[in-house]
Amino acid sequence: MFITSAFAQTAPAAGGDMMSSLTSMAPLVLMFVVLYFVMIRPQMKKQKEQRNMLAALAKGDEVATSGGVLGKITKLGDSLLSVEIASGVEVQVQRSAVVQVLPKGTIK
């Protein structure tokens, strides 16, 4: 009297609609493309510029380190540099600590 009959629904066909699955993935693909052009690509370009700058270091270049120390390169090694920070005062820093090559004559 108060209870109604329950009928089962039919399941969707196996294989589904190919267009609906592509449409549901479109926002995800679009987000990845935007992420690549906004974040990943510029970061890779910056890393390449940094790598080229470190490879091109030469004796006599004036550099700034990540610690804020300014000096002139006196000796080059594979992973270490000797940097003269004052007359007669040399420190050794890692190559990766160099963040910028300064224009000649910046340090007096």
N, C-alpha and C. Protein backbone atom coordinates (compact mmCIF):
# COMPACT_ATOMS: atom_id res chain seq x y z
N MET A 1 0.77 -1.17 0.00
CA MET A 1 0.00 0.00 0.00
C MET A 1 0.84 1.27 0.00
N PHE A 2 1.78 1.42 0.93
CA PHE A 2 2.63 2.60 0.92
C PHE A 2 3.97 2.37 0.21
N ILE A 3 4.31 1.15 -0.05
CA ILE A 3 5.59 0.81 -0.66
C ILE A 3 5.40 0.69 -2.16
N THR A 4 6.27 1.38 -2.91
CA THR A 4 6.21 1.30 -4.36
C THR A 4 7.27 0.36 -4.87
N SER A 5 7.12 -0.11 -6.05
CA SER A 5 8.09 -1.03 -6.63
C SER A 5 9.33 -0.27 -7.07
N ALA A 6 10.50 -0.91 -6.88
CA ALA A 6 11.78 -0.33 -7.31
C ALA A 6 12.25 -1.05 -8.56
N PHE A 7 12.65 -0.29 -9.57
CA PHE A 7 13.11 -0.87 -10.81
C PHE A 7 14.58 -0.51 -11.01
N ALA A 8 15.37 -1.45 -11.44
CA ALA A 8 16.80 -1.22 -11.68
C ALA A 8 16.97 -0.45 -12.98
N GLN A 9 18.00 0.42 -13.00
CA GLN A 9 18.31 1.16 -14.21
C GLN A 9 19.28 0.36 -15.06
N THR A 10 19.22 0.56 -16.33
CA THR A 10 20.15 -0.14 -17.21
C THR A 10 21.50 0.56 -17.18
N ALA A 11 22.58 -0.22 -17.26
CA ALA A 11 23.94 0.31 -17.25
C ALA A 11 24.25 0.92 -18.61
N PRO A 12 25.11 1.96 -18.65
CA PRO A 12 25.49 2.53 -19.94
C PRO A 12 26.27 1.50 -20.75
N ALA A 13 26.24 1.64 -22.03
CA ALA A 13 26.90 0.70 -22.92
C ALA A 13 28.41 0.75 -22.72
N ALA A 14 29.04 -0.41 -22.74
CA ALA A 14 30.50 -0.47 -22.61
C ALA A 14 31.15 0.19 -23.82
N GLY A 15 32.25 0.87 -23.62
CA GLY A 15 32.88 1.58 -24.73
C GLY A 15 32.51 3.04 -24.69
N GLY A 16 31.39 3.38 -24.19
CA GLY A 16 30.95 4.75 -23.98
C GLY A 16 31.11 5.64 -25.18
N ASP A 17 30.90 6.89 -24.95
CA ASP A 17 31.01 7.89 -26.00
C ASP A 17 32.42 8.48 -25.95
N MET A 18 33.16 8.32 -27.00
CA MET A 18 34.55 8.79 -27.07
C MET A 18 34.63 10.30 -26.95
N MET A 19 33.68 10.99 -27.49
CA MET A 19 33.69 12.45 -27.46
C MET A 19 33.53 12.99 -26.04
N SER A 20 32.71 12.35 -25.23
CA SER A 20 32.50 12.83 -23.86
C SER A 20 33.75 12.63 -23.01
N SER A 21 34.52 11.56 -23.25
CA SER A 21 35.75 11.35 -22.48
C SER A 21 36.82 12.37 -22.88
N LEU A 22 36.89 12.72 -24.15
CA LEU A 22 37.84 13.76 -24.58
C LEU A 22 37.45 15.12 -24.03
N THR A 23 36.17 15.39 -24.01
CA THR A 23 35.70 16.67 -23.49
C THR A 23 35.99 16.80 -22.00
N SER A 24 35.89 15.70 -21.26
CA SER A 24 36.16 15.77 -19.83
C SER A 24 37.66 15.92 -19.54
N MET A 25 38.53 15.50 -20.46
CA MET A 25 39.97 15.63 -20.25
C MET A 25 40.52 16.96 -20.76
N ALA A 26 39.76 17.68 -21.55
CA ALA A 26 40.23 18.93 -22.15
C ALA A 26 40.69 19.96 -21.11
N PRO A 27 39.95 20.19 -20.01
CA PRO A 27 40.43 21.18 -19.03
C PRO A 27 41.76 20.78 -18.39
N LEU A 28 41.96 19.49 -18.16
CA LEU A 28 43.21 19.02 -17.57
C LEU A 28 44.38 19.26 -18.53
N VAL A 29 44.18 18.95 -19.79
CA VAL A 29 45.23 19.17 -20.79
C VAL A 29 45.50 20.66 -20.94
N LEU A 30 44.47 21.46 -20.97
CA LEU A 30 44.63 22.91 -21.09
C LEU A 30 45.40 23.48 -19.90
N MET A 31 45.11 23.00 -18.69
CA MET A 31 45.83 23.47 -17.50
C MET A 31 47.31 23.11 -17.58
N PHE A 32 47.63 21.92 -18.07
CA PHE A 32 49.03 21.52 -18.20
C PHE A 32 49.76 22.38 -19.22
N VAL A 33 49.12 22.69 -20.32
CA VAL A 33 49.74 23.53 -21.36
C VAL A 33 50.02 24.93 -20.80
N VAL A 34 49.07 25.49 -20.09
CA VAL A 34 49.26 26.82 -19.49
C VAL A 34 50.37 26.77 -18.46
N LEU A 35 50.39 25.73 -17.63
CA LEU A 35 51.44 25.59 -16.62
C LEU A 35 52.81 25.50 -17.27
N TYR A 36 52.92 24.79 -18.38
CA TYR A 36 54.19 24.66 -19.07
C TYR A 36 54.68 26.02 -19.55
N PHE A 37 53.82 26.79 -20.21
CA PHE A 37 54.27 28.07 -20.77
C PHE A 37 54.45 29.16 -19.73
N VAL A 38 53.76 29.07 -18.59
CA VAL A 38 53.85 30.11 -17.58
C VAL A 38 54.95 29.83 -16.56
N MET A 39 55.17 28.55 -16.21
CA MET A 39 56.12 28.25 -15.14
C MET A 39 57.34 27.44 -15.59
N ILE A 40 57.12 26.35 -16.27
CA ILE A 40 58.21 25.42 -16.55
C ILE A 40 59.18 25.97 -17.59
N ARG A 41 58.68 26.48 -18.69
CA ARG A 41 59.55 26.98 -19.77
C ARG A 41 60.43 28.15 -19.33
N PRO A 42 59.89 29.18 -18.64
CA PRO A 42 60.77 30.27 -18.19
C PRO A 42 61.83 29.80 -17.19
N GLN A 43 61.49 28.84 -16.33
CA GLN A 43 62.47 28.33 -15.37
C GLN A 43 63.60 27.59 -16.08
N MET A 44 63.26 26.82 -17.09
CA MET A 44 64.29 26.11 -17.86
C MET A 44 65.20 27.09 -18.58
N LYS A 45 64.64 28.17 -19.10
CA LYS A 45 65.43 29.19 -19.79
C LYS A 45 66.39 29.88 -18.81
N LYS A 46 65.91 30.17 -17.61
CA LYS A 46 66.75 30.81 -16.61
C LYS A 46 67.90 29.89 -16.17
N GLN A 47 67.61 28.60 -16.01
CA GLN A 47 68.65 27.65 -15.65
C GLN A 47 69.71 27.54 -16.74
N LYS A 48 69.29 27.57 -17.99
CA LYS A 48 70.24 27.49 -19.11
C LYS A 48 71.14 28.73 -19.13
N GLU A 49 70.58 29.91 -18.90
CA GLU A 49 71.38 31.14 -18.85
C GLU A 49 72.39 31.08 -17.70
N GLN A 50 71.98 30.58 -16.54
CA GLN A 50 72.86 30.48 -15.38
C GLN A 50 74.01 29.50 -15.67
N ARG A 51 73.69 28.38 -16.29
CA ARG A 51 74.70 27.37 -16.63
C ARG A 51 75.71 27.94 -17.63
N ASN A 52 75.24 28.69 -18.62
CA ASN A 52 76.14 29.31 -19.60
C ASN A 52 77.02 30.37 -18.96
N MET A 53 76.46 31.15 -18.03
CA MET A 53 77.22 32.18 -17.34
C MET A 53 78.33 31.56 -16.50
N LEU A 54 78.03 30.46 -15.80
CA LEU A 54 79.06 29.80 -14.98
C LEU A 54 80.15 29.18 -15.84
N ALA A 55 79.78 28.68 -17.00
CA ALA A 55 80.77 28.07 -17.89
C ALA A 55 81.69 29.12 -18.51
N ALA A 56 81.20 30.34 -18.65
CA ALA A 56 81.97 31.40 -19.30
C ALA A 56 82.81 32.23 -18.33
N LEU A 57 82.85 31.88 -17.06
CA LEU A 57 83.66 32.64 -16.09
C LEU A 57 85.13 32.57 -16.47
N ALA A 58 85.81 33.69 -16.28
CA ALA A 58 87.24 33.75 -16.63
C ALA A 58 87.98 34.53 -15.54
N LYS A 59 89.29 34.34 -15.52
CA LYS A 59 90.13 35.06 -14.57
C LYS A 59 90.03 36.56 -14.84
N GLY A 60 89.84 37.36 -13.80
CA GLY A 60 89.71 38.80 -13.94
C GLY A 60 88.27 39.29 -13.96
N ASP A 61 87.32 38.38 -14.09
CA ASP A 61 85.90 38.79 -14.05
C ASP A 61 85.53 39.25 -12.65
N GLU A 62 84.69 40.26 -12.59
CA GLU A 62 84.17 40.74 -11.31
C GLU A 62 82.80 40.10 -11.11
N VAL A 63 82.62 39.48 -9.94
CA VAL A 63 81.41 38.70 -9.70
C VAL A 63 80.76 39.05 -8.38
N ALA A 64 79.47 38.70 -8.27
CA ALA A 64 78.73 38.80 -7.02
C ALA A 64 78.32 37.38 -6.65
N THR A 65 78.47 37.02 -5.38
CA THR A 65 78.10 35.69 -4.92
C THR A 65 76.72 35.72 -4.28
N SER A 66 76.21 34.53 -4.02
CA SER A 66 74.88 34.44 -3.40
C SER A 66 74.88 34.99 -1.98
N GLY A 67 76.04 35.08 -1.35
CA GLY A 67 76.14 35.64 -0.01
C GLY A 67 76.30 37.15 -0.02
N GLY A 68 76.36 37.76 -1.20
CA GLY A 68 76.47 39.20 -1.29
C GLY A 68 77.90 39.71 -1.35
N VAL A 69 78.86 38.81 -1.48
CA VAL A 69 80.26 39.20 -1.55
C VAL A 69 80.61 39.56 -2.99
N LEU A 70 81.26 40.71 -3.15
CA LEU A 70 81.72 41.15 -4.47
C LEU A 70 83.23 40.98 -4.54
N GLY A 71 83.73 40.53 -5.68
CA GLY A 71 85.17 40.37 -5.82
C GLY A 71 85.57 40.06 -7.24
N LYS A 72 86.90 39.93 -7.40
CA LYS A 72 87.49 39.66 -8.72
C LYS A 72 88.07 38.25 -8.70
N ILE A 73 87.77 37.48 -9.73
CA ILE A 73 88.26 36.10 -9.81
C ILE A 73 89.76 36.11 -10.07
N THR A 74 90.51 35.36 -9.22
CA THR A 74 91.95 35.26 -9.40
C THR A 74 92.37 33.87 -9.85
N LYS A 75 91.65 32.84 -9.45
CA LYS A 75 91.96 31.47 -9.85
C LYS A 75 90.66 30.74 -10.15
N LEU A 76 90.71 29.88 -11.16
CA LEU A 76 89.55 29.08 -11.54
C LEU A 76 89.85 27.61 -11.34
N GLY A 77 88.88 26.89 -10.81
CA GLY A 77 88.96 25.43 -10.71
C GLY A 77 87.70 24.84 -11.28
N ASP A 78 87.61 23.51 -11.21
CA ASP A 78 86.41 22.86 -11.73
C ASP A 78 85.17 23.23 -10.91
N SER A 79 85.30 23.21 -9.59
CA SER A 79 84.14 23.51 -8.75
C SER A 79 84.36 24.69 -7.81
N LEU A 80 85.62 25.15 -7.68
CA LEU A 80 85.92 26.26 -6.77
C LEU A 80 86.57 27.42 -7.52
N LEU A 81 86.34 28.62 -7.00
CA LEU A 81 86.97 29.83 -7.52
C LEU A 81 87.67 30.54 -6.37
N SER A 82 88.78 31.18 -6.67
CA SER A 82 89.39 32.08 -5.70
C SER A 82 88.98 33.48 -6.08
N VAL A 83 88.39 34.19 -5.14
CA VAL A 83 87.89 35.54 -5.40
C VAL A 83 88.60 36.50 -4.46
N GLU A 84 89.19 37.55 -5.05
CA GLU A 84 89.86 38.57 -4.25
C GLU A 84 88.80 39.61 -3.86
N ILE A 85 88.53 39.68 -2.54
CA ILE A 85 87.48 40.59 -2.07
C ILE A 85 88.05 41.92 -1.58
N ALA A 86 89.36 41.93 -1.28
CA ALA A 86 90.06 43.16 -0.89
C ALA A 86 91.52 42.95 -1.28
N SER A 87 92.30 44.00 -1.23
CA SER A 87 93.70 43.89 -1.60
C SER A 87 94.41 42.86 -0.72
N GLY A 88 94.86 41.76 -1.32
CA GLY A 88 95.57 40.71 -0.58
C GLY A 88 94.66 39.73 0.15
N VAL A 89 93.35 39.86 0.06
CA VAL A 89 92.42 38.96 0.75
C VAL A 89 91.66 38.15 -0.29
N GLU A 90 91.91 36.84 -0.26
CA GLU A 90 91.24 35.94 -1.21
C GLU A 90 90.40 34.93 -0.44
N VAL A 91 89.23 34.63 -0.97
CA VAL A 91 88.37 33.59 -0.42
C VAL A 91 88.05 32.60 -1.54
N GLN A 92 87.79 31.37 -1.14
CA GLN A 92 87.38 30.37 -2.12
C GLN A 92 85.87 30.21 -2.01
N VAL A 93 85.21 30.20 -3.14
CA VAL A 93 83.76 29.99 -3.20
C VAL A 93 83.47 28.93 -4.26
N GLN A 94 82.33 28.30 -4.10
CA GLN A 94 81.91 27.33 -5.11
C GLN A 94 81.45 28.07 -6.35
N ARG A 95 81.64 27.46 -7.48
CA ARG A 95 81.21 28.05 -8.74
C ARG A 95 79.72 28.35 -8.72
N SER A 96 78.95 27.46 -8.12
CA SER A 96 77.49 27.62 -8.10
C SER A 96 77.05 28.79 -7.23
N ALA A 97 77.94 29.33 -6.40
CA ALA A 97 77.59 30.46 -5.55
C ALA A 97 77.62 31.78 -6.30
N VAL A 98 78.20 31.80 -7.49
CA VAL A 98 78.25 33.02 -8.29
C VAL A 98 76.87 33.24 -8.92
N VAL A 99 76.28 34.40 -8.65
CA VAL A 99 74.95 34.67 -9.17
C VAL A 99 74.96 35.71 -10.28
N GLN A 100 76.05 36.49 -10.39
CA GLN A 100 76.06 37.56 -11.39
C GLN A 100 77.50 37.93 -11.73
N VAL A 101 77.74 38.14 -13.00
CA VAL A 101 79.01 38.71 -13.45
C VAL A 101 78.78 40.20 -13.63
N LEU A 102 79.59 40.98 -12.92
CA LEU A 102 79.43 42.44 -12.94
C LEU A 102 80.21 43.06 -14.10
N PRO A 103 79.80 44.24 -14.55
CA PRO A 103 80.57 44.93 -15.59
C PRO A 103 81.97 45.29 -15.07
N LYS A 104 82.93 45.30 -15.96
CA LYS A 104 84.31 45.64 -15.57
C LYS A 104 84.35 47.03 -14.95
N GLY A 105 85.13 47.18 -13.89
CA GLY A 105 85.28 48.46 -13.22
C GLY A 105 84.23 48.74 -12.16
N THR A 106 83.35 47.79 -11.88
CA THR A 106 82.33 48.00 -10.85
C THR A 106 82.96 48.02 -9.48
N ILE A 107 83.91 47.13 -9.25
CA ILE A 107 84.57 47.05 -7.95
C ILE A 107 85.86 47.84 -8.01
N LYS A 108 86.04 48.77 -7.08
CA LYS A 108 87.25 49.60 -7.07
C LYS A 108 88.00 49.40 -5.81
